Amino acid sequence: MQVRARPVLAAAVVGIAVVAAACGGTSPGPSTSVPPATTAPSTTSTSPPTAQPSTAIWPFASTTLRYASPVAAARGFALTYLGFSNPVVGPFQQGDSRSGEIEVRASPGGVVTTVLVRMLAPGDTWWVLGSVASTLELHSPAALSTISSPVTLTGQSTAFEATINLELRQDGTLTPLATTTTQGGSNGEMGPFTATMTFPPPAAGAGAIVVRTISAKDGATEAASTVRIAYAR
């Protein structure tokens, strides 16, 4: 059975964009290619780097990587941050004048991971606020929560052999602060999951929780839900 309902996490992550101004709705399914960048380059560099926006996960402000295109931002996030191997990236689905979402799949028939993007100042470049997959619902902690060690993660999921991967990330690095696996539902049936994670003191004050399903064939990400969090100092 294919899971079609938009998860509870969608409301939480979209709430980030509401804080920053609304993130907007959806339109029909994704295309199988990235629209050509005819009006602007996909990336640009700025110097010096700005501070990490409080609601943005990607790119890292500690680097000079910036995106002039929302589709390029979603693709870069899927490839570099989430670990998709060859994502199928859909068109930009605009919400308001500065935000929207883009559907990403691991393959043409794969589970949709919806990446939420927003244009932020200074520089008016595109940043990723989070992602939502219908098969991976993170109920707690909520987006923009402040967490401390140990932290308990709860939600619902469905995955091959029920196994899902959970990570705590911090700004400025792709190396997880902590990782674990747990089990929820399987074979298209959603089931509850819970996991308690301990982690060392982070170097950064904020980061993200990443909930992923990973292919047993090649180790690439198949779907991912991601929420922005802060760390108690």
C-alpha atoms as a PDB file:
ATOM      1  CA  MET A   1       0.000   0.000   0.000  1.00  0.00           C
ATOM      2  CA  GLN A   2       1.416   3.383  -0.952  1.00  0.00           C
ATOM      3  CA  VAL A   3       1.220   6.059   1.700  1.00  0.00           C
ATOM      4  CA  ARG A   4      -0.294   9.233   0.270  1.00  0.00           C
ATOM      5  CA  ALA A   5      -1.267  11.399   3.250  1.00  0.00           C
ATOM      6  CA  ARG A   6       0.881  14.455   3.939  1.00  0.00           C
ATOM      7  CA  PRO A   7       2.535  13.871   7.351  1.00  0.00           C
ATOM      8  CA  VAL A   8       2.188  15.845  10.540  1.00  0.00           C
ATOM      9  CA  LEU A   9       5.764  16.992   9.971  1.00  0.00           C
ATOM     10  CA  ALA A  10       4.606  18.975   6.956  1.00  0.00           C
ATOM     11  CA  ALA A  11       2.682  21.342   9.185  1.00  0.00           C
ATOM     12  CA  ALA A  12       5.655  21.679  11.497  1.00  0.00           C
ATOM     13  CA  VAL A  13       8.161  22.437   8.756  1.00  0.00           C
ATOM     14  CA  VAL A  14       5.792  24.700   6.857  1.00  0.00           C
ATOM     15  CA  GLY A  15       5.414  26.510  10.186  1.00  0.00           C
ATOM     16  CA  ILE A  16       9.037  27.550   9.790  1.00  0.00           C
ATOM     17  CA  ALA A  17       8.151  29.357   6.617  1.00  0.00           C
ATOM     18  CA  VAL A  18       5.125  30.937   8.268  1.00  0.00           C
ATOM     19  CA  VAL A  19       7.422  32.389  10.902  1.00  0.00           C
ATOM     20  CA  ALA A  20       9.651  33.712   8.143  1.00  0.00           C
ATOM     21  CA  ALA A  21       6.537  34.487   5.925  1.00  0.00           C
ATOM     22  CA  ALA A  22       4.342  31.626   4.410  1.00  0.00           C
ATOM     23  CA  CYS A  23       5.844  28.775   2.467  1.00  0.00           C
ATOM     24  CA  GLY A  24       2.861  28.037   0.227  1.00  0.00           C
ATOM     25  CA  GLY A  25       1.019  25.218  -1.489  1.00  0.00           C
ATOM     26  CA  THR A  26       1.727  22.404  -3.877  1.00  0.00           C
ATOM     27  CA  SER A  27       1.028  21.666  -7.501  1.00  0.00           C
ATOM     28  CA  PRO A  28       1.006  18.423  -9.521  1.00  0.00           C
ATOM     29  CA  GLY A  29       3.817  15.865  -9.383  1.00  0.00           C
ATOM     30  CA  PRO A  30       7.458  16.379 -10.238  1.00  0.00           C
ATOM     31  CA  SER A  31       9.118  16.379 -13.634  1.00  0.00           C
ATOM     32  CA  THR A  32      11.971  14.018 -14.371  1.00  0.00           C
ATOM     33  CA  SER A  33      14.548  16.709 -15.131  1.00  0.00           C
ATOM     34  CA  VAL A  34      15.766  19.967 -13.670  1.00  0.00           C
ATOM     35  CA  PRO A  35      14.607  23.018 -15.676  1.00  0.00           C
ATOM     36  CA  PRO A  36      17.576  24.701 -17.380  1.00  0.00           C
ATOM     37  CA  ALA A  37      19.050  27.703 -15.592  1.00  0.00           C
ATOM     38  CA  THR A  38      18.455  30.232 -18.343  1.00  0.00           C
ATOM     39  CA  THR A  39      17.765  33.333 -16.292  1.00  0.00           C
ATOM     40  CA  ALA A  40      20.318  32.973 -13.499  1.00  0.00           C
ATOM     41  CA  PRO A  41      23.298  30.806 -12.562  1.00  0.00           C
ATOM     42  CA  SER A  42      22.467  27.922 -10.232  1.00  0.00           C
ATOM     43  CA  THR A  43      25.040  28.979  -7.670  1.00  0.00           C
ATOM     44  CA  THR A  44      26.949  32.045  -6.713  1.00  0.00           C
ATOM     45  CA  SER A  45      29.578  32.954  -4.147  1.00  0.00           C
ATOM     46  CA  THR A  46      29.486  35.743  -1.607  1.00  0.00           C
ATOM     47  CA  SER A  47      32.251  37.014   0.643  1.00  0.00           C
ATOM     48  CA  PRO A  48      32.431  37.254   3.545  1.00  0.00           C
ATOM     49  CA  PRO A  49      29.921  34.543   4.648  1.00  0.00           C
ATOM     50  CA  THR A  50      26.895  35.674   6.626  1.00  0.00           C
ATOM     51  CA  ALA A  51      25.632  34.139   9.869  1.00  0.00           C
ATOM     52  CA  GLN A  52      23.454  31.030   9.482  1.00  0.00           C
ATOM     53  CA  PRO A  53      19.788  32.124   9.206  1.00  0.00           C
ATOM     54  CA  SER A  54      17.878  30.904  12.257  1.00  0.00           C
ATOM     55  CA  THR A  55      15.369  28.936  10.161  1.00  0.00           C
ATOM     56  CA  ALA A  56      17.673  27.595   7.417  1.00  0.00           C
ATOM     57  CA  ILE A  57      19.420  24.217   7.304  1.00  0.00           C
ATOM     58  CA  TRP A  58      21.257  24.487   3.968  1.00  0.00           C
ATOM     59  CA  PRO A  59      23.612  25.799   2.617  1.00  0.00           C
ATOM     60  CA  PHE A  60      26.048  26.372   5.470  1.00  0.00           C
ATOM     61  CA  ALA A  61      26.689  30.070   5.986  1.00  0.00           C
ATOM     62  CA  SER A  62      30.247  29.209   7.012  1.00  0.00           C
ATOM     63  CA  THR A  63      30.954  28.488   3.327  1.00  0.00           C
ATOM     64  CA  THR A  64      30.590  30.779   0.314  1.00  0.00           C
ATOM     65  CA  LEU A  65      28.133  28.441  -1.427  1.00  0.00           C
ATOM     66  CA  ARG A  66      24.891  30.244  -2.288  1.00  0.00           C
ATOM     67  CA  TYR A  67      22.054  29.376  -4.690  1.00  0.00           C
ATOM     68  CA  ALA A  68      20.532  31.760  -7.209  1.00  0.00           C
ATOM     69  CA  SER A  69      17.933  29.096  -8.160  1.00  0.00           C
ATOM     70  CA  PRO A  70      15.459  27.357  -5.807  1.00  0.00           C
ATOM     71  CA  VAL A  71      15.722  24.148  -7.857  1.00  0.00           C
ATOM     72  CA  ALA A  72      19.505  24.190  -7.537  1.00  0.00           C
ATOM     73  CA  ALA A  73      19.166  24.680  -3.774  1.00  0.00           C
ATOM     74  CA  ALA A  74      16.863  21.650  -3.511  1.00  0.00           C
ATOM     75  CA  ARG A  75      19.125  19.527  -5.684  1.00  0.00           C
ATOM     76  CA  GLY A  76      22.239  20.513  -3.735  1.00  0.00           C
ATOM     77  CA  PHE A  77      20.474  19.726  -0.468  1.00  0.00           C
ATOM     78  CA  ALA A  78      19.308  16.326  -1.747  1.00  0.00           C
ATOM     79  CA  LEU A  79      22.739  15.349  -3.060  1.00  0.00           C
ATOM     80  CA  THR A  80      25.087  16.800  -0.481  1.00  0.00           C
ATOM     81  CA  TYR A  81      23.133  17.053   2.760  1.00  0.00           C
ATOM     82  CA  LEU A  82      20.667  14.153   2.476  1.00  0.00           C
ATOM     83  CA  GLY A  83      22.726  11.675   0.448  1.00  0.00           C
ATOM     84  CA  PHE A  84      20.548  11.001  -2.607  1.00  0.00           C
ATOM     85  CA  SER A  85      22.686   9.470  -5.376  1.00  0.00           C
ATOM     86  CA  ASN A  86      20.895  10.718  -8.522  1.00  0.00           C
ATOM     87  CA  PRO A  87      17.749  12.582  -7.466  1.00  0.00           C
ATOM     88  CA  VAL A  88      14.833  13.236  -9.763  1.00  0.00           C
ATOM     89  CA  VAL A  89      14.136  16.906  -9.075  1.00  0.00           C
ATOM     90  CA  GLY A  90      10.799  18.482  -9.920  1.00  0.00           C
ATOM     91  CA  PRO A  91       9.971  22.091 -10.813  1.00  0.00           C
ATOM     92  CA  PHE A  92       9.711  24.932  -8.339  1.00  0.00           C
ATOM     93  CA  GLN A  93       6.182  25.148  -6.900  1.00  0.00           C
ATOM     94  CA  GLN A  94       5.862  28.737  -5.781  1.00  0.00           C
ATOM     95  CA  GLY A  95       4.063  29.725  -2.592  1.00  0.00           C
ATOM     96  CA  ASP A  96       4.533  33.441  -2.030  1.00  0.00           C
ATOM     97  CA  SER A  97       6.990  35.679  -3.886  1.00  0.00           C
ATOM     98  CA  ARG A  98       9.944  34.439  -1.828  1.00  0.00           C
ATOM     99  CA  SER A  99       9.179  30.809  -0.972  1.00  0.00           C
ATOM    100  CA  GLY A 100       7.912  27.501  -2.232  1.00  0.00           C
ATOM    101  CA  GLU A 101       8.703  23.803  -2.468  1.00  0.00           C
ATOM    102  CA  ILE A 102      10.273  21.253  -4.788  1.00  0.00           C
ATOM    103  CA  GLU A 103       9.598  17.521  -4.971  1.00  0.00           C
ATOM    104  CA  VAL A 104      12.585  15.186  -5.033  1.00  0.00           C
ATOM    105  CA  ARG A 105      12.593  11.420  -5.601  1.00  0.00           C
ATOM    106  CA  ALA A 106      15.356   8.841  -5.499  1.00  0.00           C
ATOM    107  CA  SER A 107      13.911   7.382  -8.737  1.00  0.00           C
ATOM    108  CA  PRO A 108      10.979   8.295 -11.014  1.00  0.00           C
ATOM    109  CA  GLY A 109       8.591   6.048  -9.053  1.00  0.00           C
ATOM    110  CA  GLY A 110      10.090   6.678  -5.643  1.00  0.00           C
ATOM    111  CA  VAL A 111       8.693   8.271  -2.494  1.00  0.00           C
ATOM    112  CA  VAL A 112       8.399  12.055  -2.708  1.00  0.00           C
ATOM    113  CA  THR A 113      10.617  14.130  -0.436  1.00  0.00           C
ATOM    114  CA  THR A 114       9.316  17.691  -0.526  1.00  0.00           C
ATOM    115  CA  VAL A 115      12.063  20.262   0.013  1.00  0.00           C
ATOM    116  CA  LEU A 116      10.945  23.633   1.394  1.00  0.00           C
ATOM    117  CA  VAL A 117      12.927  26.635   0.196  1.00  0.00           C
ATOM    118  CA  ARG A 118      12.946  30.369   0.815  1.00  0.00           C
ATOM    119  CA  MET A 119      14.806  33.387  -0.531  1.00  0.00           C
ATOM    120  CA  LEU A 120      16.544  35.131   2.347  1.00  0.00           C
ATOM    121  CA  ALA A 121      18.470  38.354   2.812  1.00  0.00           C
ATOM    122  CA  PRO A 122      21.171  39.509   2.655  1.00  0.00           C
ATOM    123  CA  GLY A 123      21.849  38.691  -0.959  1.00  0.00           C
ATOM    124  CA  ASP A 124      18.409  37.306  -1.819  1.00  0.00           C
ATOM    125  CA  THR A 125      19.678  33.769  -2.382  1.00  0.00           C
ATOM    126  CA  TRP A 126      17.811  30.498  -1.817  1.00  0.00           C
ATOM    127  CA  TRP A 127      18.000  28.481   1.406  1.00  0.00           C
ATOM    128  CA  VAL A 128      16.470  25.160   2.479  1.00  0.00           C
ATOM    129  CA  LEU A 129      14.220  25.242   5.561  1.00  0.00           C
ATOM    130  CA  GLY A 130      13.513  21.516   5.799  1.00  0.00           C
ATOM    131  CA  SER A 131      12.051  18.515   4.018  1.00  0.00           C
ATOM    132  CA  VAL A 132       8.988  16.306   4.322  1.00  0.00           C
ATOM    133  CA  ALA A 133       8.428  12.697   3.262  1.00  0.00           C
ATOM    134  CA  SER A 134       4.993  11.106   3.658  1.00  0.00           C
ATOM    135  CA  THR A 135       6.572   7.859   4.876  1.00  0.00           C
ATOM    136  CA  LEU A 136       8.549   9.560   7.676  1.00  0.00           C
ATOM    137  CA  GLU A 137       6.630  11.604  10.240  1.00  0.00           C
ATOM    138  CA  LEU A 138       8.587  13.174  13.077  1.00  0.00           C
ATOM    139  CA  HIS A 139       6.123  14.159  15.801  1.00  0.00           C
ATOM    140  CA  SER A 140       8.620  15.344  18.404  1.00  0.00           C
ATOM    141  CA  PRO A 141      10.775  17.316  18.821  1.00  0.00           C
ATOM    142  CA  ALA A 142       8.879  19.911  16.810  1.00  0.00           C
ATOM    143  CA  ALA A 143      10.558  22.168  14.278  1.00  0.00           C
ATOM    144  CA  LEU A 144      12.498  25.036  15.890  1.00  0.00           C
ATOM    145  CA  SER A 145      12.594  23.242  19.271  1.00  0.00           C
ATOM    146  CA  THR A 146      15.615  23.608  21.540  1.00  0.00           C
ATOM    147  CA  ILE A 147      16.946  20.190  22.540  1.00  0.00           C
ATOM    148  CA  SER A 148      19.479  18.844  25.032  1.00  0.00           C
ATOM    149  CA  SER A 149      21.050  15.433  25.597  1.00  0.00           C
ATOM    150  CA  PRO A 150      19.471  12.932  25.862  1.00  0.00           C
ATOM    151  CA  VAL A 151      16.631  13.661  23.444  1.00  0.00           C
ATOM    152  CA  THR A 152      13.728  11.337  22.597  1.00  0.00           C
ATOM    153  CA  LEU A 153      12.416  11.288  19.035  1.00  0.00           C
ATOM    154  CA  THR A 154       8.929   9.973  18.276  1.00  0.00           C
ATOM    155  CA  GLY A 155       6.842   9.648  15.149  1.00  0.00           C
ATOM    156  CA  GLN A 156       5.451   7.252  12.563  1.00  0.00           C
ATOM    157  CA  SER A 157       7.107   5.660   9.574  1.00  0.00           C
ATOM    158  CA  THR A 158       7.046   2.895   7.024  1.00  0.00           C
ATOM    159  CA  ALA A 159      10.140   1.411   5.420  1.00  0.00           C
ATOM    160  CA  PHE A 160      11.632  -1.766   4.009  1.00  0.00           C
ATOM    161  CA  GLU A 161      12.035  -4.162   6.935  1.00  0.00           C
ATOM    162  CA  ALA A 162      10.715  -1.283   9.100  1.00  0.00           C
ATOM    163  CA  THR A 163      14.203   0.215   9.652  1.00  0.00           C
ATOM    164  CA  ILE A 164      14.759   3.976   9.620  1.00  0.00           C
ATOM    165  CA  ASN A 165      17.896   6.018  10.263  1.00  0.00           C
ATOM    166  CA  LEU A 166      17.982   9.030  12.574  1.00  0.00           C
ATOM    167  CA  GLU A 167      20.704  11.665  12.787  1.00  0.00           C
ATOM    168  CA  LEU A 168      21.413  14.825  14.725  1.00  0.00           C
ATOM    169  CA  ARG A 169      23.353  17.354  12.646  1.00  0.00           C
ATOM    170  CA  GLN A 170      24.934  20.676  13.524  1.00  0.00           C
ATOM    171  CA  ASP A 171      25.548  23.695  11.333  1.00  0.00           C
ATOM    172  CA  GLY A 172      28.776  23.821   9.386  1.00  0.00           C
ATOM    173  CA  THR A 173      29.453  20.087   8.981  1.00  0.00           C
ATOM    174  CA  LEU A 174      27.970  17.061   7.257  1.00  0.00           C
ATOM    175  CA  THR A 175      29.294  14.715   9.945  1.00  0.00           C
ATOM    176  CA  PRO A 176      26.424  13.710  12.255  1.00  0.00           C
ATOM    177  CA  LEU A 177      26.647  14.659  15.905  1.00  0.00           C
ATOM    178  CA  ALA A 178      24.863  11.389  16.732  1.00  0.00           C
ATOM    179  CA  THR A 179      23.192   8.562  14.805  1.00  0.00           C
ATOM    180  CA  THR A 180      20.902   5.650  15.566  1.00  0.00           C
ATOM    181  CA  THR A 181      18.407   3.324  13.907  1.00  0.00           C
ATOM    182  CA  THR A 182      14.962   2.255  15.012  1.00  0.00           C
ATOM    183  CA  GLN A 183      11.898   0.550  13.599  1.00  0.00           C
ATOM    184  CA  GLY A 184       8.421   1.738  12.721  1.00  0.00           C
ATOM    185  CA  GLY A 185       5.950   0.277  10.245  1.00  0.00           C
ATOM    186  CA  SER A 186       6.746  -1.663   7.059  1.00  0.00           C
ATOM    187  CA  ASN A 187       5.322  -2.653   3.659  1.00  0.00           C
ATOM    188  CA  GLY A 188       3.459   0.631   3.277  1.00  0.00           C
ATOM    189  CA  GLU A 189       1.767   0.441   6.685  1.00  0.00           C
ATOM    190  CA  MET A 190       2.629   3.316   9.002  1.00  0.00           C
ATOM    191  CA  GLY A 191       3.704   2.364  12.511  1.00  0.00           C
ATOM    192  CA  PRO A 192       5.004   4.294  15.548  1.00  0.00           C
ATOM    193  CA  PHE A 193       8.685   4.696  16.309  1.00  0.00           C
ATOM    194  CA  THR A 194      10.647   6.045  19.241  1.00  0.00           C
ATOM    195  CA  ALA A 195      14.367   6.496  19.846  1.00  0.00           C
ATOM    196  CA  THR A 196      16.444   8.164  22.547  1.00  0.00           C
ATOM    197  CA  MET A 197      19.712   9.741  21.456  1.00  0.00           C
ATOM    198  CA  THR A 198      22.585  11.061  23.536  1.00  0.00           C
ATOM    199  CA  PHE A 199      25.063  13.460  21.999  1.00  0.00           C
ATOM    200  CA  PRO A 200      28.209  15.390  22.947  1.00  0.00           C
ATOM    201  CA  PRO A 201      28.217  19.178  23.329  1.00  0.00           C
ATOM    202  CA  PRO A 202      27.825  20.612  19.808  1.00  0.00           C
ATOM    203  CA  ALA A 203      30.183  23.215  18.407  1.00  0.00           C
ATOM    204  CA  ALA A 204      27.257  25.044  16.799  1.00  0.00           C
ATOM    205  CA  GLY A 205      24.149  26.410  18.446  1.00  0.00           C
ATOM    206  CA  ALA A 206      21.732  24.911  15.916  1.00  0.00           C
ATOM    207  CA  GLY A 207      21.332  22.159  13.371  1.00  0.00           C
ATOM    208  CA  ALA A 208      18.760  19.630  12.236  1.00  0.00           C
ATOM    209  CA  ILE A 209      17.149  16.285  12.914  1.00  0.00           C
ATOM    210  CA  VAL A 210      17.293  14.028   9.849  1.00  0.00           C
ATOM    211  CA  VAL A 211      15.043  10.963   9.536  1.00  0.00           C
ATOM    212  CA  ARG A 212      15.937   8.842   6.497  1.00  0.00           C
ATOM    213  CA  THR A 213      15.290   5.575   4.754  1.00  0.00           C
ATOM    214  CA  ILE A 214      18.373   4.187   3.032  1.00  0.00           C
ATOM    215  CA  SER A 215      18.595   1.791   0.104  1.00  0.00           C
ATOM    216  CA  ALA A 216      19.940  -1.638   0.983  1.00  0.00           C
ATOM    217  CA  LYS A 217      21.231  -1.863  -2.591  1.00  0.00           C
ATOM    218  CA  ASP A 218      23.600   1.115  -2.708  1.00  0.00           C
ATOM    219  CA  GLY A 219      23.349   2.945   0.625  1.00  0.00           C
ATOM    220  CA  ALA A 220      21.797   6.030  -0.946  1.00  0.00           C
ATOM    221  CA  THR A 221      18.913   7.921   0.621  1.00  0.00           C
ATOM    222  CA  GLU A 222      15.436   6.988  -0.591  1.00  0.00           C
ATOM    223  CA  ALA A 223      13.392   9.560   1.394  1.00  0.00           C
ATOM    224  CA  ALA A 224      14.061  12.046   4.182  1.00  0.00           C
ATOM    225  CA  SER A 225      12.237  14.314   6.608  1.00  0.00           C
ATOM    226  CA  THR A 226      14.333  17.083   8.112  1.00  0.00           C
ATOM    227  CA  VAL A 227      13.526  19.719  10.755  1.00  0.00           C
ATOM    228  CA  ARG A 228      15.495  22.673  12.066  1.00  0.00           C
ATOM    229  CA  ILE A 229      16.369  22.607  15.779  1.00  0.00           C
ATOM    230  CA  ALA A 230      18.536  24.538  18.243  1.00  0.00           C
ATOM    231  CA  TYR A 231      20.840  23.134  20.918  1.00  0.00           C
ATOM    232  CA  ALA A 232      20.611  24.201  24.545  1.00  0.00           C
ATOM    233  CA  ARG A 233      23.796  26.010  25.605  1.00  0.00           C
END
